[in-house]
Amino acid sequence: MAEFEDIKSFEMLLRESTRIHGHICPGQVLGVKMSMLGLGEIEISDPKGKDRKSIIVFVEMDRCATDAVQSVTGCSLGHRTLKFMDYGKMAATFLNLRTGKAVRLIAKEDSRRKAKEYFPEIKNKYEAQLEAYKIMPWEDLFDLMEVTVNINPEDMPGRPLRRVSCDKCGEYVRDLREVHRAGKVLCRPCADAGYYVAVTDEVFKSDPSLEHNNPETRKLAVAEAVGTVIAHDITEIRPGEFKGRAFKKGHIIREEDIRHLRRLGKETLFVLNIADDEMHEDDAAYALANALMGEGVEIEGSPVEGKINIIAGREGLLKINKKALLEFNMLGDIMCATVHSNTLVKKGQIVAGTRAIPLIVKKDVVDSAVCLGDRAGKIIHVKEIRKPKTGVVITGNEVYYGLIKDAFAPVITEKIKAVGGEIIGTYYAPDEESVVEARLRELINAGADLLITTGGMSVDPDDITRFAIRNLGARDITYGSAVLPGAMFLVAYLDGVPSIPVLGIPACGMYAKTTVFDLILPRVLAGERIGIRELAELGHGGLCMKCETCNYPVCPFGK
């Protein structure tokens, strides 16, 4: 423990602390001793003199000991050298700003028990603690730990760094305590619930069930309340049958609700005033959904508690503009959550949900979302997938000459049928460029609008499939993907109206249930032009976990 030879005597410090606090108590003794120990540990010898600008103390309780800490150290809230952390603990942290050294002291719980051992003859436990704490050694009273404390510039002593006016109440906020929300600068009570409630008229005094932290509330006769928004829950009690919520806060009152409300004994209601620059959450939900929806999606029903679902209007491939979605969710006070982009979806499947987060939202936030959706060409789409007429060329001498049984054809056939396509021809070819090229041309002449080749995709000398595809006149040939299994995948296009995609599947397509082919096929059929960027982007999430039971597409692969 540090020495305290250069600090005033304990008795003198305790007398001064007692004078300031108004009475002596065990908390005063603990606070004085805690301060003496803390100051000594951080090498502060003159806290009220030459060291006064070198110390900050954090107290974790608003009890007697805090007054003692303030008395001994000279730190105070007004000087911004005493910081109150409302943790409810008999603890304090002492920080030397000059050296950065800091210690935290917390009173030991068993010091109460030990106090009785020091003065067993004193029956009153508080009196026993008072006398015992005066003589007990430091190690019996406190746990001490060295800590680090980071002080933000806005929390340091000195002049305020900034002073801004709240856009709602007009009151000024200092030291960066303001809140930025939906483009507004707000004080914390206006942004959230404050600790006080402004009583502005008799309405607030008369009904304690009123929503206190919304000053935009008024009282109306039930008959005049149609089209307004209920400001609080209304409970219904039917003895022996039901007790619960009849109307939820935020409910828009309809003509048919009036009789029900009167049956509940309601002749007047507290309702929300929705300003001209504000929207109810349900109205916002419709506007947000329309801002998000592109082709192939539609709204499901009506908003429920402010949330509305967007569903697929047809079978197809879900496409999300992820960049625009991020910008949408960064606007604040609104949100949208979606299923992963590039997911095959069924008609009627929920693909997204959106809502305004507060009950009442500013119109300018919703308007910004609408402009964002329009600028992005909408954010959520379901692209129709064409049903391909597929030609397949399976290469390799081993299969062509019957040395091994082909395993590719049944796999490809199953996957093409799964997307509604048909196989118009399956040819086998040896490892000869000219033969592979000839078989592909025959399939094109037969009407194939999708070509698939298998095998011959590695770097061995006899792996010639990709060269045959090049000889066919294919353009935009991309060989290699950031996916496992499927690194040696190939995609190319034959010019025409429409162009014909060519997909080269490596050997993994035979034995792996799910490969890069499963990720790319739906996107190709939705009309997306796949190139090196699209294949490279698959690297994040492109590693198949080879689960014992494959649950694709309900898994992270390709996400």
Protein backbone atom coordinates (compact mmCIF):
# COMPACT_ATOMS: atom_id res chain seq x y z
CA MET A 1 0.00 0.00 0.00
CA ALA A 2 1.15 3.59 -0.60
CA GLU A 3 2.32 5.85 2.23
CA PHE A 4 0.22 8.82 3.30
CA GLU A 5 2.80 10.93 5.12
CA ASP A 6 2.06 13.92 2.87
CA ILE A 7 -1.73 13.79 3.27
CA LYS A 8 -3.61 15.44 6.14
CA SER A 9 -4.35 13.25 9.09
CA PHE A 10 -7.31 10.95 8.99
CA GLU A 11 -8.93 12.62 11.99
CA MET A 12 -8.75 16.08 10.46
CA LEU A 13 -10.14 14.88 7.14
CA LEU A 14 -12.98 13.04 8.88
CA ARG A 15 -13.94 16.14 10.90
CA GLU A 16 -14.08 18.28 7.76
CA SER A 17 -16.09 15.67 5.85
CA THR A 18 -18.54 15.33 8.75
CA ARG A 19 -19.03 19.09 8.83
CA ILE A 20 -19.88 19.19 5.13
CA HIS A 21 -22.09 16.10 5.23
CA GLY A 22 -23.94 17.14 8.39
CA HIS A 23 -23.31 14.07 10.56
CA ILE A 24 -20.81 11.30 11.11
CA CYS A 25 -21.60 7.77 9.92
CA PRO A 26 -19.83 4.60 8.73
CA GLY A 27 -20.11 5.81 5.13
CA GLN A 28 -18.15 8.96 6.01
CA VAL A 29 -15.33 6.89 7.49
CA LEU A 30 -15.21 4.59 4.45
CA GLY A 31 -15.28 7.54 2.04
CA VAL A 32 -12.40 9.33 3.79
CA LYS A 33 -10.25 6.21 3.99
CA MET A 34 -11.09 5.22 0.39
CA SER A 35 -10.03 8.69 -0.80
CA MET A 36 -6.79 8.67 1.16
CA LEU A 37 -5.86 5.26 -0.19
CA GLY A 38 -6.84 6.12 -3.77
CA LEU A 39 -4.93 9.41 -3.77
CA GLY A 40 -1.86 7.74 -2.37
CA GLU A 41 -1.95 4.96 -4.96
CA ILE A 42 -2.03 7.42 -7.89
CA GLU A 43 0.59 9.65 -6.25
CA ILE A 44 -1.57 12.73 -5.66
CA SER A 45 -0.34 14.54 -2.54
CA ASP A 46 -2.13 17.89 -2.77
CA PRO A 47 -5.53 17.33 -4.41
CA LYS A 48 -6.86 20.78 -3.50
CA GLY A 49 -3.65 22.62 -4.35
CA LYS A 50 -0.99 21.96 -6.95
CA ASP A 51 -2.55 18.63 -8.05
CA ARG A 52 -6.13 19.93 -8.39
CA LYS A 53 -6.00 19.87 -12.20
CA SER A 54 -4.48 16.40 -12.30
CA ILE A 55 -7.27 14.33 -10.77
CA ILE A 56 -10.68 12.98 -11.73
CA VAL A 57 -12.70 10.69 -9.47
CA PHE A 58 -15.52 8.40 -10.58
CA VAL A 59 -17.99 7.49 -7.81
CA GLU A 60 -20.43 4.60 -8.25
CA MET A 61 -22.94 5.48 -5.49
CA ASP A 62 -25.00 8.49 -4.39
CA ARG A 63 -24.57 7.75 -0.68
CA CYS A 64 -22.76 9.22 2.32
CA ALA A 65 -19.34 8.09 1.15
CA THR A 66 -19.62 10.27 -1.96
CA ASP A 67 -19.73 13.43 0.16
CA ALA A 68 -16.58 12.24 1.93
CA VAL A 69 -14.82 11.62 -1.41
CA GLN A 70 -15.72 15.12 -2.55
CA SER A 71 -14.53 16.61 0.76
CA VAL A 72 -11.15 14.86 0.76
CA THR A 73 -10.31 15.16 -2.95
CA GLY A 74 -11.84 18.56 -3.68
CA CYS A 75 -13.39 17.07 -6.82
CA SER A 76 -16.91 18.21 -7.71
CA LEU A 77 -19.52 17.89 -10.43
CA GLY A 78 -19.35 21.62 -11.10
CA HIS A 79 -15.62 21.40 -11.81
CA ARG A 80 -16.24 18.27 -13.95
CA THR A 81 -13.65 16.44 -11.86
CA LEU A 82 -16.21 14.26 -10.07
CA LYS A 83 -18.11 11.82 -12.31
CA PHE A 84 -21.21 10.02 -11.03
CA MET A 85 -21.69 6.51 -12.44
CA ASP A 86 -25.03 5.19 -11.20
CA TYR A 87 -23.93 1.59 -10.51
CA GLY A 88 -25.16 1.35 -6.92
CA LYS A 89 -21.78 0.10 -5.67
CA MET A 90 -19.68 1.36 -2.76
CA ALA A 91 -16.79 1.98 -5.12
CA ALA A 92 -14.72 4.79 -6.61
CA THR A 93 -11.98 5.12 -9.21
CA PHE A 94 -9.16 7.64 -8.85
CA LEU A 95 -7.39 8.83 -12.01
CA ASN A 96 -4.18 10.84 -12.27
CA LEU A 97 -4.60 12.78 -15.54
CA ARG A 98 -0.92 13.65 -15.64
CA THR A 99 0.39 10.07 -15.50
CA GLY A 100 -2.69 8.13 -16.63
CA LYS A 101 -2.46 5.89 -13.56
CA ALA A 102 -5.84 4.83 -12.13
CA VAL A 103 -7.07 2.57 -9.32
CA ARG A 104 -10.54 1.37 -8.43
CA LEU A 105 -11.46 0.71 -4.79
CA ILE A 106 -14.57 -1.18 -3.70
CA ALA A 107 -15.64 -1.75 -0.12
CA LYS A 108 -15.46 -5.38 0.99
CA GLU A 109 -18.78 -6.86 1.99
CA ASP A 110 -17.27 -8.88 4.86
CA SER A 111 -15.94 -5.69 6.50
CA ARG A 112 -19.38 -5.43 8.12
CA ARG A 113 -18.89 -8.81 9.79
CA LYS A 114 -15.36 -8.04 10.86
CA ALA A 115 -16.52 -4.78 12.48
CA LYS A 116 -18.44 -6.81 15.06
CA GLU A 117 -15.28 -8.73 15.90
CA TYR A 118 -13.44 -5.49 16.68
CA PHE A 119 -16.12 -4.18 19.03
CA PRO A 120 -18.30 -7.08 20.22
CA GLU A 121 -19.41 -5.05 23.25
CA ILE A 122 -21.17 -2.47 21.05
CA LYS A 123 -24.64 -3.81 20.36
CA ASN A 124 -25.67 -1.25 17.75
CA LYS A 125 -24.18 -2.51 14.48
CA TYR A 126 -23.85 0.96 12.96
CA GLU A 127 -21.96 2.27 15.96
CA ALA A 128 -19.74 -0.83 15.86
CA GLN A 129 -19.03 -0.26 12.17
CA LEU A 130 -18.30 3.42 12.78
CA GLU A 131 -15.65 2.71 15.41
CA ALA A 132 -14.21 -0.39 13.68
CA TYR A 133 -13.80 1.25 10.28
CA LYS A 134 -11.66 3.95 11.91
CA ILE A 135 -9.01 1.42 13.00
CA MET A 136 -9.37 -1.48 10.55
CA PRO A 137 -6.45 -1.84 8.09
CA TRP A 138 -6.96 -0.91 4.46
CA GLU A 139 -6.82 -4.50 3.23
CA ASP A 140 -9.77 -5.47 5.47
CA LEU A 141 -11.88 -2.61 4.14
CA PHE A 142 -11.23 -2.48 0.39
CA ASP A 143 -10.36 -4.45 -2.70
CA LEU A 144 -7.99 -2.49 -4.90
CA MET A 145 -7.38 -2.98 -8.59
CA GLU A 146 -5.36 -1.08 -11.16
CA VAL A 147 -7.52 -0.01 -14.10
CA THR A 148 -7.34 2.04 -17.27
CA VAL A 149 -9.81 4.88 -17.87
CA ASN A 150 -10.37 6.57 -21.23
CA ILE A 151 -11.71 10.11 -20.97
CA ASN A 152 -13.47 11.56 -24.00
CA PRO A 153 -12.67 15.20 -24.82
CA GLU A 154 -16.27 16.20 -24.14
CA ASP A 155 -15.98 14.84 -20.56
CA MET A 156 -12.85 16.77 -19.61
CA PRO A 157 -12.86 19.86 -17.36
CA GLY A 158 -12.83 23.19 -19.15
CA ARG A 159 -15.11 25.19 -21.39
CA PRO A 160 -17.92 23.36 -23.27
CA LEU A 161 -16.76 22.00 -26.61
CA ARG A 162 -20.08 22.75 -28.24
CA ARG A 163 -23.47 24.26 -27.47
CA VAL A 164 -26.46 23.45 -29.71
CA SER A 165 -30.18 24.08 -29.60
CA CYS A 166 -32.70 21.20 -29.54
CA ASP A 167 -34.85 21.33 -32.67
CA LYS A 168 -37.93 20.34 -30.67
CA CYS A 169 -37.92 22.19 -27.34
CA GLY A 170 -35.38 24.91 -28.14
CA GLU A 171 -33.37 24.29 -25.00
CA TYR A 172 -29.57 24.32 -25.29
CA VAL A 173 -27.42 21.20 -24.93
CA ARG A 174 -23.72 21.29 -24.04
CA ASP A 175 -20.76 18.97 -24.40
CA LEU A 176 -22.05 16.73 -27.23
CA ARG A 177 -24.95 15.34 -25.19
CA GLU A 178 -27.36 15.93 -28.08
CA VAL A 179 -28.95 13.10 -30.13
CA HIS A 180 -29.11 13.13 -33.95
CA ARG A 181 -32.26 11.45 -35.24
CA ALA A 182 -33.91 11.64 -38.66
CA GLY A 183 -31.91 14.74 -39.54
CA LYS A 184 -32.89 16.53 -36.32
CA VAL A 185 -30.77 17.64 -33.37
CA LEU A 186 -32.58 16.68 -30.16
CA CYS A 187 -31.90 16.83 -26.45
CA ARG A 188 -32.13 13.45 -24.73
CA PRO A 189 -35.53 14.05 -23.07
CA CYS A 190 -37.04 14.96 -26.45
CA ALA A 191 -35.35 12.04 -28.23
CA ASP A 192 -36.38 9.49 -25.59
CA ALA A 193 -38.24 9.58 -22.28
CA GLY A 194 -36.89 12.12 -19.80
CA TYR A 195 -37.04 11.80 -16.02
CA TYR A 196 -39.62 14.63 -15.84
CA VAL A 197 -43.05 15.24 -17.35
CA ALA A 198 -44.18 18.71 -18.35
CA VAL A 199 -47.69 19.32 -16.98
CA THR A 200 -49.10 21.66 -19.61
CA ASP A 201 -52.83 21.54 -18.91
CA GLU A 202 -55.54 19.75 -16.97
CA VAL A 203 -55.56 16.83 -19.43
CA PHE A 204 -52.21 15.64 -18.13
CA LYS A 205 -53.28 16.06 -14.51
CA SER A 206 -56.52 14.18 -14.82
CA ASP A 207 -55.53 10.85 -16.36
CA PRO A 208 -52.42 9.01 -15.12
CA SER A 209 -52.76 6.44 -17.90
CA LEU A 210 -51.90 9.11 -20.47
CA GLU A 211 -48.74 8.55 -22.51
CA HIS A 212 -46.52 11.01 -20.63
CA ASN A 213 -43.60 11.25 -23.00
CA ASN A 214 -45.76 12.38 -25.90
CA PRO A 215 -46.79 16.02 -25.41
CA GLU A 216 -48.77 15.89 -28.66
CA THR A 217 -51.76 14.33 -26.89
CA ARG A 218 -55.28 15.69 -26.52
CA LYS A 219 -58.61 14.65 -25.08
CA LEU A 220 -61.60 14.09 -27.36
CA ALA A 221 -65.18 12.89 -27.04
CA VAL A 222 -65.48 9.34 -28.38
CA ALA A 223 -67.95 10.42 -31.05
CA GLU A 224 -65.40 12.91 -32.42
CA ALA A 225 -62.44 10.50 -32.38
CA VAL A 226 -63.02 8.60 -35.64
CA GLY A 227 -59.82 8.67 -37.70
CA THR A 228 -57.61 9.63 -34.77
CA VAL A 229 -54.97 7.49 -33.08
CA ILE A 230 -55.38 6.07 -29.55
CA ALA A 231 -52.54 7.26 -27.31
CA HIS A 232 -52.60 4.32 -24.85
CA ASP A 233 -53.87 0.77 -24.45
CA ILE A 234 -57.52 0.35 -23.44
CA THR A 235 -58.37 -2.67 -21.29
CA GLU A 236 -61.60 -4.65 -21.39
CA ILE A 237 -62.85 -6.71 -18.44
CA ARG A 238 -65.71 -9.18 -18.74
CA PRO A 239 -66.04 -10.83 -15.31
CA GLY A 240 -65.39 -14.55 -15.50
CA GLU A 241 -64.73 -14.40 -19.25
CA PHE A 242 -61.96 -12.07 -20.33
CA LYS A 243 -59.48 -9.49 -19.14
CA GLY A 244 -57.05 -8.01 -21.63
CA ARG A 245 -56.35 -5.37 -24.23
CA ALA A 246 -59.32 -4.31 -26.30
CA PHE A 247 -57.54 -1.56 -28.20
CA LYS A 248 -53.80 -1.17 -28.67
CA LYS A 249 -51.95 2.10 -28.44
CA GLY A 250 -51.64 3.37 -32.01
CA HIS A 251 -54.99 1.93 -33.18
CA ILE A 252 -56.77 4.19 -35.66
CA ILE A 253 -60.35 4.55 -34.45
CA ARG A 254 -63.02 3.46 -36.91
CA GLU A 255 -66.74 4.20 -36.93
CA GLU A 256 -67.49 0.63 -35.81
CA ASP A 257 -65.25 1.05 -32.75
CA ILE A 258 -67.44 3.75 -31.18
CA ARG A 259 -70.10 1.38 -29.82
CA HIS A 260 -67.42 -0.93 -28.39
CA LEU A 261 -65.65 1.98 -26.68
CA ARG A 262 -68.86 3.21 -25.13
CA ARG A 263 -69.62 -0.31 -23.92
CA LEU A 264 -66.30 -0.10 -22.10
CA GLY A 265 -67.47 3.08 -20.40
CA LYS A 266 -65.40 5.43 -22.54
CA GLU A 267 -67.00 8.76 -23.35
CA THR A 268 -63.68 10.54 -23.86
CA LEU A 269 -60.31 9.37 -25.19
CA PHE A 270 -56.74 10.55 -25.24
CA VAL A 271 -55.57 10.59 -28.84
CA LEU A 272 -52.38 11.54 -30.61
CA ASN A 273 -52.10 14.68 -32.63
CA ILE A 274 -50.33 13.74 -35.85
CA ALA A 275 -48.74 16.89 -37.25
CA ASP A 276 -48.73 17.73 -40.93
CA ASP A 277 -45.09 16.62 -41.16
CA GLU A 278 -45.75 13.24 -39.50
CA MET A 279 -47.27 9.87 -40.44
CA HIS A 280 -48.87 7.03 -38.53
CA GLU A 281 -46.88 3.79 -38.64
CA ASP A 282 -49.51 1.99 -40.76
CA ASP A 283 -49.55 4.72 -43.43
CA ALA A 284 -45.77 4.75 -43.38
CA ALA A 285 -45.69 0.96 -43.83
CA TYR A 286 -47.63 1.18 -47.10
CA ALA A 287 -45.39 3.98 -48.39
CA LEU A 288 -42.22 2.12 -47.44
CA ALA A 289 -43.39 -1.12 -49.04
CA ASN A 290 -44.16 0.67 -52.29
CA ALA A 291 -40.74 2.31 -52.18
CA LEU A 292 -39.11 -1.10 -51.91
CA MET A 293 -41.16 -3.19 -54.34
CA GLY A 294 -39.97 -3.81 -57.87
CA GLU A 295 -41.18 -6.40 -60.35
CA GLY A 296 -42.56 -9.74 -59.21
CA VAL A 297 -43.43 -8.78 -55.61
CA GLU A 298 -46.54 -7.51 -53.85
CA ILE A 299 -47.90 -6.53 -50.44
CA GLU A 300 -49.38 -9.22 -48.21
CA GLY A 301 -52.56 -7.96 -46.56
CA SER A 302 -52.57 -4.97 -44.22
CA PRO A 303 -50.01 -3.73 -41.67
CA VAL A 304 -50.02 -5.50 -38.31
CA GLU A 305 -48.70 -3.33 -35.49
CA GLY A 306 -47.02 -1.17 -38.10
CA LYS A 307 -45.26 -4.03 -39.94
CA ILE A 308 -46.13 -5.12 -43.45
CA ASN A 309 -44.86 -8.14 -45.38
CA ILE A 310 -43.73 -8.21 -48.99
CA ILE A 311 -44.31 -11.51 -50.79
CA ALA A 312 -43.27 -13.05 -54.09
CA GLY A 313 -45.92 -12.47 -56.75
CA ARG A 314 -44.53 -15.35 -58.81
CA GLU A 315 -41.99 -18.13 -58.71
CA GLY A 316 -38.52 -16.92 -59.53
CA LEU A 317 -35.22 -15.61 -58.26
CA LEU A 318 -35.19 -13.02 -55.48
CA LYS A 319 -32.89 -10.11 -56.22
CA ILE A 320 -32.05 -7.52 -53.55
CA ASN A 321 -30.20 -4.30 -54.24
CA LYS A 322 -28.02 -4.68 -51.16
CA LYS A 323 -26.36 -1.27 -51.45
CA ALA A 324 -29.71 0.51 -51.66
CA LEU A 325 -31.11 -1.62 -48.81
CA LEU A 326 -28.23 -0.50 -46.59
CA GLU A 327 -28.92 3.15 -47.46
CA PHE A 328 -32.62 2.58 -46.70
CA ASN A 329 -31.88 1.15 -43.25
CA MET A 330 -29.38 3.94 -42.52
CA LEU A 331 -32.11 6.60 -42.80
CA GLY A 332 -33.17 5.90 -39.20
CA ASP A 333 -36.67 5.31 -37.73
CA ILE A 334 -37.51 2.88 -40.58
CA MET A 335 -36.30 -0.62 -41.42
CA CYS A 336 -36.52 -3.45 -43.90
CA ALA A 337 -35.35 -7.06 -43.47
CA THR A 338 -35.18 -9.45 -46.42
CA VAL A 339 -34.42 -13.00 -47.38
CA HIS A 340 -30.96 -13.43 -48.98
CA SER A 341 -30.60 -12.18 -52.52
CA ASN A 342 -30.39 -14.88 -55.24
CA THR A 343 -32.78 -17.18 -53.35
CA LEU A 344 -35.26 -19.20 -55.39
CA VAL A 345 -38.73 -18.38 -54.07
CA LYS A 346 -42.26 -19.68 -54.52
CA LYS A 347 -45.29 -17.54 -55.28
CA GLY A 348 -46.74 -16.19 -52.03
CA GLN A 349 -43.52 -16.68 -50.05
CA ILE A 350 -42.57 -13.83 -47.68
CA VAL A 351 -39.40 -12.23 -48.99
CA ALA A 352 -39.22 -9.06 -46.85
CA GLY A 353 -40.81 -7.13 -44.01
CA THR A 354 -40.75 -3.38 -43.46
CA ARG A 355 -42.03 -0.91 -40.89
CA ALA A 356 -41.59 2.48 -39.27
CA ILE A 357 -39.98 1.92 -35.89
CA PRO A 358 -41.76 4.65 -33.86
CA LEU A 359 -45.54 4.89 -33.73
CA ILE A 360 -45.38 8.28 -35.41
CA VAL A 361 -42.64 8.92 -37.97
CA LYS A 362 -41.53 12.08 -39.73
CA LYS A 363 -42.74 12.35 -43.32
CA ASP A 364 -39.35 13.53 -44.54
CA VAL A 365 -37.82 10.19 -43.49
CA VAL A 366 -40.47 8.27 -45.45
CA ASP A 367 -40.11 10.65 -48.39
CA SER A 368 -36.36 10.03 -48.37
CA ALA A 369 -37.03 6.28 -48.50
CA VAL A 370 -39.41 6.73 -51.45
CA CYS A 371 -36.83 8.82 -53.34
CA LEU A 372 -34.16 6.24 -52.58
CA GLY A 373 -36.33 3.43 -53.93
CA ASP A 374 -37.12 5.36 -57.10
CA ARG A 375 -33.47 6.28 -57.63
CA ALA A 376 -32.41 2.64 -57.22
CA GLY A 377 -35.09 1.34 -59.56
CA LYS A 378 -36.69 -0.28 -56.48
CA ILE A 379 -34.89 -2.57 -54.07
CA ILE A 380 -36.72 -5.92 -54.05
CA HIS A 381 -37.48 -7.92 -57.20
CA VAL A 382 -38.42 -11.46 -58.12
CA LYS A 383 -37.02 -12.21 -61.56
CA GLU A 384 -38.81 -14.75 -63.71
CA ILE A 385 -36.74 -17.80 -64.54
CA ARG A 386 -36.98 -19.12 -68.08
CA LYS A 387 -37.41 -22.85 -68.58
CA PRO A 388 -34.31 -23.85 -70.52
CA LYS A 389 -33.98 -26.21 -73.44
CA THR A 390 -30.72 -27.74 -72.38
CA GLY A 391 -28.07 -29.49 -74.41
CA VAL A 392 -25.46 -31.54 -72.53
CA VAL A 393 -22.05 -32.74 -73.68
CA ILE A 394 -20.31 -35.15 -71.34
CA THR A 395 -16.60 -35.41 -72.13
CA GLY A 396 -13.85 -37.85 -71.22
CA ASN A 397 -12.34 -40.92 -72.83
CA GLU A 398 -13.20 -43.12 -69.85
CA VAL A 399 -16.93 -42.52 -70.23
CA TYR A 400 -16.96 -42.32 -74.02
CA TYR A 401 -15.26 -45.72 -74.41
CA GLY A 402 -17.31 -47.32 -71.63
CA LEU A 403 -14.46 -47.79 -69.18
CA ILE A 404 -16.51 -46.19 -66.41
CA LYS A 405 -20.19 -45.49 -65.96
CA ASP A 406 -21.32 -41.90 -66.47
CA ALA A 407 -22.53 -40.20 -63.29
CA PHE A 408 -23.09 -36.71 -64.70
CA ALA A 409 -26.22 -37.21 -66.83
CA PRO A 410 -28.65 -38.14 -64.02
CA VAL A 411 -27.38 -35.29 -61.81
CA ILE A 412 -27.78 -32.65 -64.53
CA THR A 413 -31.14 -33.99 -65.64
CA GLU A 414 -32.51 -33.79 -62.10
CA LYS A 415 -31.29 -30.22 -61.59
CA ILE A 416 -32.62 -28.99 -64.94
CA LYS A 417 -36.03 -30.54 -64.29
CA ALA A 418 -36.07 -28.88 -60.84
CA VAL A 419 -36.12 -25.46 -62.53
CA GLY A 420 -38.76 -26.52 -65.05
CA GLY A 421 -36.37 -27.10 -67.95
CA GLU A 422 -35.91 -30.01 -70.34
CA ILE A 423 -32.95 -31.92 -71.74
CA ILE A 424 -33.15 -31.85 -75.55
CA GLY A 425 -30.01 -33.93 -76.02
CA THR A 426 -27.17 -35.56 -74.11
CA TYR A 427 -24.03 -36.38 -76.12
CA TYR A 428 -20.82 -38.09 -75.11
CA ALA A 429 -17.49 -37.04 -76.55
CA PRO A 430 -13.87 -38.18 -76.23
CA ASP A 431 -11.08 -35.81 -75.21
CA GLU A 432 -10.85 -34.23 -78.66
CA GLU A 433 -11.55 -30.54 -79.23
CA SER A 434 -13.10 -31.00 -82.65
CA VAL A 435 -15.54 -33.68 -81.46
CA VAL A 436 -16.66 -31.67 -78.43
CA GLU A 437 -17.14 -28.61 -80.62
CA ALA A 438 -19.14 -30.61 -83.17
CA ARG A 439 -21.48 -32.06 -80.52
CA LEU A 440 -22.13 -28.55 -79.13
CA ARG A 441 -22.98 -27.24 -82.59
CA GLU A 442 -25.44 -30.09 -83.12
CA LEU A 443 -27.21 -29.16 -79.88
CA ILE A 444 -27.41 -25.50 -80.91
CA ASN A 445 -28.94 -26.54 -84.23
CA ALA A 446 -31.43 -28.69 -82.31
CA GLY A 447 -32.69 -25.60 -80.48
CA ALA A 448 -30.71 -25.62 -77.24
CA ASP A 449 -30.74 -22.25 -75.42
CA LEU A 450 -28.46 -23.47 -72.63
CA LEU A 451 -25.34 -25.58 -73.11
CA ILE A 452 -23.74 -27.60 -70.33
CA THR A 453 -20.44 -29.42 -70.59
CA THR A 454 -18.96 -31.73 -68.00
CA GLY A 455 -15.42 -32.90 -67.36
CA GLY A 456 -12.25 -31.74 -69.05
CA MET A 457 -12.16 -28.58 -66.94
CA SER A 458 -8.88 -29.04 -65.04
CA VAL A 459 -5.35 -28.15 -66.17
CA ASP A 460 -4.26 -31.59 -67.41
CA PRO A 461 -3.12 -31.70 -71.08
CA ASP A 462 -6.08 -33.83 -72.10
CA ASP A 463 -8.63 -31.54 -70.43
CA ILE A 464 -9.68 -29.75 -73.60
CA THR A 465 -13.33 -28.84 -72.99
CA ARG A 466 -12.78 -25.15 -72.41
CA PHE A 467 -10.73 -24.90 -75.62
CA ALA A 468 -13.56 -26.49 -77.60
CA ILE A 469 -15.94 -23.88 -76.13
CA ARG A 470 -13.56 -21.12 -77.23
CA ASN A 471 -13.37 -22.60 -80.74
CA LEU A 472 -17.17 -22.52 -80.85
CA GLY A 473 -16.94 -18.71 -80.90
CA ALA A 474 -17.88 -18.16 -77.26
CA ARG A 475 -17.19 -14.74 -75.74
CA ASP A 476 -16.81 -13.46 -72.18
CA ILE A 477 -15.24 -16.75 -71.14
CA THR A 478 -14.58 -16.84 -67.40
CA TYR A 479 -12.71 -19.84 -66.07
CA GLY A 480 -12.48 -20.33 -62.34
CA SER A 481 -14.78 -19.40 -59.44
CA ALA A 482 -14.30 -18.54 -55.76
CA VAL A 483 -16.42 -21.51 -54.67
CA LEU A 484 -15.61 -24.90 -53.20
CA PRO A 485 -16.71 -27.25 -54.61
CA GLY A 486 -16.51 -25.75 -58.08
CA ALA A 487 -13.28 -23.79 -58.38
CA MET A 488 -12.73 -24.94 -62.00
CA PHE A 489 -16.17 -23.86 -63.16
CA LEU A 490 -16.53 -22.11 -66.53
CA VAL A 491 -19.14 -19.71 -67.86
CA ALA A 492 -19.23 -18.26 -71.38
CA TYR A 493 -21.72 -16.83 -73.86
CA LEU A 494 -22.43 -17.44 -77.53
CA ASP A 495 -23.55 -14.23 -79.21
CA GLY A 496 -27.01 -14.21 -80.64
CA VAL A 497 -30.53 -13.01 -79.92
CA PRO A 498 -30.84 -14.19 -77.31
CA SER A 499 -27.29 -15.19 -76.38
CA ILE A 500 -26.73 -18.79 -75.31
CA PRO A 501 -25.00 -19.36 -71.96
CA VAL A 502 -22.43 -22.14 -71.75
CA LEU A 503 -21.71 -23.65 -68.34
CA GLY A 504 -18.72 -25.95 -67.80
CA ILE A 505 -19.06 -28.17 -64.73
CA PRO A 506 -15.89 -29.68 -63.25
CA ALA A 507 -15.68 -33.21 -61.85
CA CYS A 508 -17.07 -32.18 -58.44
CA GLY A 509 -20.50 -32.01 -60.07
CA MET A 510 -20.62 -35.82 -60.03
CA TYR A 511 -20.09 -36.43 -56.34
CA ALA A 512 -20.94 -33.20 -54.48
CA LYS A 513 -24.65 -32.69 -53.93
CA THR A 514 -24.36 -28.90 -54.10
CA THR A 515 -21.74 -26.96 -56.08
CA VAL A 516 -21.20 -23.63 -57.78
CA PHE A 517 -23.52 -24.87 -60.54
CA ASP A 518 -26.47 -24.71 -58.12
CA LEU A 519 -25.58 -21.10 -57.24
CA ILE A 520 -25.14 -19.88 -60.81
CA LEU A 521 -27.83 -21.77 -62.76
CA PRO A 522 -30.84 -19.81 -61.39
CA ARG A 523 -29.06 -16.48 -61.96
CA VAL A 524 -28.25 -17.38 -65.57
CA LEU A 525 -31.86 -18.44 -66.16
CA ALA A 526 -33.04 -15.11 -64.69
CA GLY A 527 -31.09 -13.33 -67.43
CA GLU A 528 -28.11 -12.21 -65.35
CA ARG A 529 -24.81 -11.97 -67.21
CA ILE A 530 -22.24 -13.79 -65.09
CA GLY A 531 -18.61 -12.72 -65.27
CA ILE A 532 -15.46 -12.66 -63.19
CA ARG A 533 -16.86 -10.20 -60.64
CA GLU A 534 -19.99 -12.25 -59.98
CA LEU A 535 -17.92 -15.43 -59.53
CA ALA A 536 -15.40 -13.63 -57.31
CA GLU A 537 -18.12 -12.22 -55.05
CA LEU A 538 -19.18 -15.77 -54.19
CA GLY A 539 -15.99 -16.25 -52.18
CA HIS A 540 -17.67 -14.92 -49.02
CA GLY A 541 -19.93 -17.83 -48.12
CA GLY A 542 -18.68 -19.92 -51.02
CA LEU A 543 -17.23 -22.74 -48.91
CA CYS A 544 -19.60 -25.71 -48.62
CA MET A 545 -19.55 -27.12 -45.08
CA LYS A 546 -20.31 -30.66 -46.35
CA CYS A 547 -22.93 -31.27 -43.69
CA GLU A 548 -23.86 -34.87 -43.00
CA THR A 549 -27.41 -34.02 -44.09
CA CYS A 550 -27.48 -31.39 -46.82
CA ASN A 551 -30.17 -28.75 -46.21
CA TYR A 552 -29.31 -26.45 -49.10
CA PRO A 553 -30.63 -23.84 -49.79
CA VAL A 554 -31.46 -23.43 -46.08
CA CYS A 555 -27.80 -23.07 -45.17
CA PRO A 556 -24.99 -20.48 -45.41
CA PHE A 557 -23.53 -21.84 -48.67
CA GLY A 558 -23.57 -19.20 -51.36
CA LYS A 559 -24.96 -16.55 -49.03
